[in-house]
Protein backbone atom coordinates (compact mmCIF):
# COMPACT_ATOMS: atom_id res chain seq x y z
CA MET A 1 96.05 100.28 100.02
CA SER A 2 93.43 97.54 99.71
CA VAL A 3 92.67 96.00 96.34
CA ILE A 4 90.94 92.95 94.93
CA THR A 5 92.57 91.33 91.93
CA ASN A 6 92.26 88.15 89.88
CA HIS A 7 94.96 86.65 92.12
CA LYS A 8 92.77 87.15 95.21
CA VAL A 9 95.28 89.51 96.81
CA PHE A 10 93.26 91.71 99.10
CA LEU A 11 96.00 93.78 100.75
CA ARG A 12 99.12 95.20 99.15
CA ARG A 13 101.67 97.74 100.39
CA THR A 14 102.57 99.53 97.14
CA GLU A 15 105.62 101.33 98.54
CA LEU A 16 107.52 98.00 98.50
CA TYR A 17 106.84 97.19 94.85
CA GLY A 18 109.53 95.23 93.03
CA LYS A 19 110.19 92.45 90.53
CA GLY A 20 110.43 89.52 92.93
CA ARG A 21 108.16 86.58 93.70
CA ILE A 22 107.62 84.26 96.63
CA ARG A 23 105.39 81.25 96.08
CA GLY A 24 104.51 77.96 97.68
CA THR A 25 101.80 75.39 98.38
CA THR A 26 99.65 74.74 101.43
CA LEU A 27 99.14 71.07 102.26
CA ASP A 28 97.24 69.15 104.95
CA LYS A 29 98.80 66.48 107.20
CA GLU A 30 98.39 63.85 104.48
CA GLY A 31 100.17 66.04 101.92
CA GLN A 32 96.99 66.97 100.03
CA PRO A 33 96.49 70.56 98.73
CA ILE A 34 94.31 72.71 100.96
CA ALA A 35 93.05 76.30 100.84
CA ARG A 36 94.43 78.65 103.50
CA VAL A 37 94.85 82.38 104.12
CA VAL A 38 98.52 83.27 103.58
CA GLN A 39 100.14 86.45 104.93
CA LEU A 40 103.41 87.98 103.74
CA TRP A 41 105.32 90.04 106.33
CA VAL A 42 108.35 92.26 105.73
CA GLN A 43 111.11 91.39 108.19
CA SER A 44 113.01 94.14 109.96
CA THR A 45 116.66 94.51 109.05
CA GLY A 46 119.76 95.80 110.76
CA PRO A 47 121.47 94.99 114.05
CA SER A 48 118.50 95.80 116.29
CA ARG A 49 115.99 93.60 114.40
CA ASP A 50 113.20 95.48 116.16
CA PRO A 51 110.04 93.36 115.79
CA ARG A 52 107.94 96.54 115.83
CA LEU A 53 109.39 97.35 112.39
CA GLU A 54 108.01 94.14 110.90
CA ARG A 55 104.78 94.81 109.06
CA LEU A 56 102.15 93.06 107.06
CA TYR A 57 102.77 93.51 103.34
CA MET A 58 100.27 91.34 101.47
CA VAL A 59 97.52 88.77 102.10
CA THR A 60 96.19 86.17 99.68
CA ARG A 61 94.40 82.81 99.65
CA SER A 62 95.84 79.59 98.34
CA ALA A 63 93.89 77.90 95.56
CA LEU A 64 91.33 75.36 96.77
CA SER A 65 92.22 72.74 94.16
CA SER A 66 96.02 73.05 94.18
CA GLY A 67 96.96 74.79 97.44
CA ASN A 68 99.24 77.10 95.41
CA TRP A 69 99.81 80.70 96.46
CA THR A 70 101.98 83.45 94.97
CA PHE A 71 103.12 86.92 95.97
CA ASP A 72 104.26 88.77 92.84
CA ASN A 73 105.90 92.17 92.29
CA ILE A 74 107.61 92.36 95.68
CA ASP A 75 110.88 94.06 96.56
CA GLU A 76 113.63 91.53 95.88
CA GLY A 77 116.02 93.31 98.27
CA LEU A 78 113.98 92.52 101.39
CA SER A 79 113.51 89.43 103.56
CA PHE A 80 110.00 88.15 104.24
CA THR A 81 108.06 85.89 106.58
CA VAL A 82 105.08 83.87 105.30
CA ILE A 83 102.33 82.69 107.67
CA ALA A 84 99.57 80.28 106.56
CA HIS A 85 96.45 80.35 108.75
CA ASP A 86 93.85 77.60 109.12
CA HIS A 87 90.51 79.44 108.92
CA THR A 88 88.79 76.37 110.43
CA LYS A 89 90.94 76.81 113.58
CA GLU A 90 91.73 73.09 113.68
CA TYR A 91 95.48 73.62 113.20
CA ASP A 92 97.98 76.21 114.41
CA PRO A 93 99.43 78.63 111.84
CA VAL A 94 102.54 77.55 109.94
CA MET A 95 105.35 80.07 109.48
CA LYS A 96 108.47 80.26 107.31
CA THR A 97 111.02 83.05 107.89
CA ASN A 98 113.98 84.63 106.10
CA LEU A 99 112.53 84.15 102.61
CA LYS A 100 114.14 86.00 99.73
CA PRO A 101 112.10 86.64 96.58
CA GLU A 102 113.11 84.95 93.35
CA PRO A 103 113.18 87.03 90.14
CA MET A 104 109.94 86.96 88.18
CA GLU A 105 110.19 85.45 84.69
């Protein structure tokens, strides 16, 4: 399901809805906030860890002024991978794996 919200989330898989949150900040080489497209992927589980089972869950943009991004209302029982992409194509994507959502306040 595709949606546009105030949080600039433009893709959300509603079957994985929960009460968890993953958030962070995108920074440039000098440590300054920078806007980037950020993807949230569900990681496969179990002994096989079949990469074909991993799927895109949500996409958002980090804020231009602060670099902050947030994925809210995600299933707190799953593990996720976050990938930040440089739309200018100057830098390679940055990825963080095995993220567990924190409870939302």
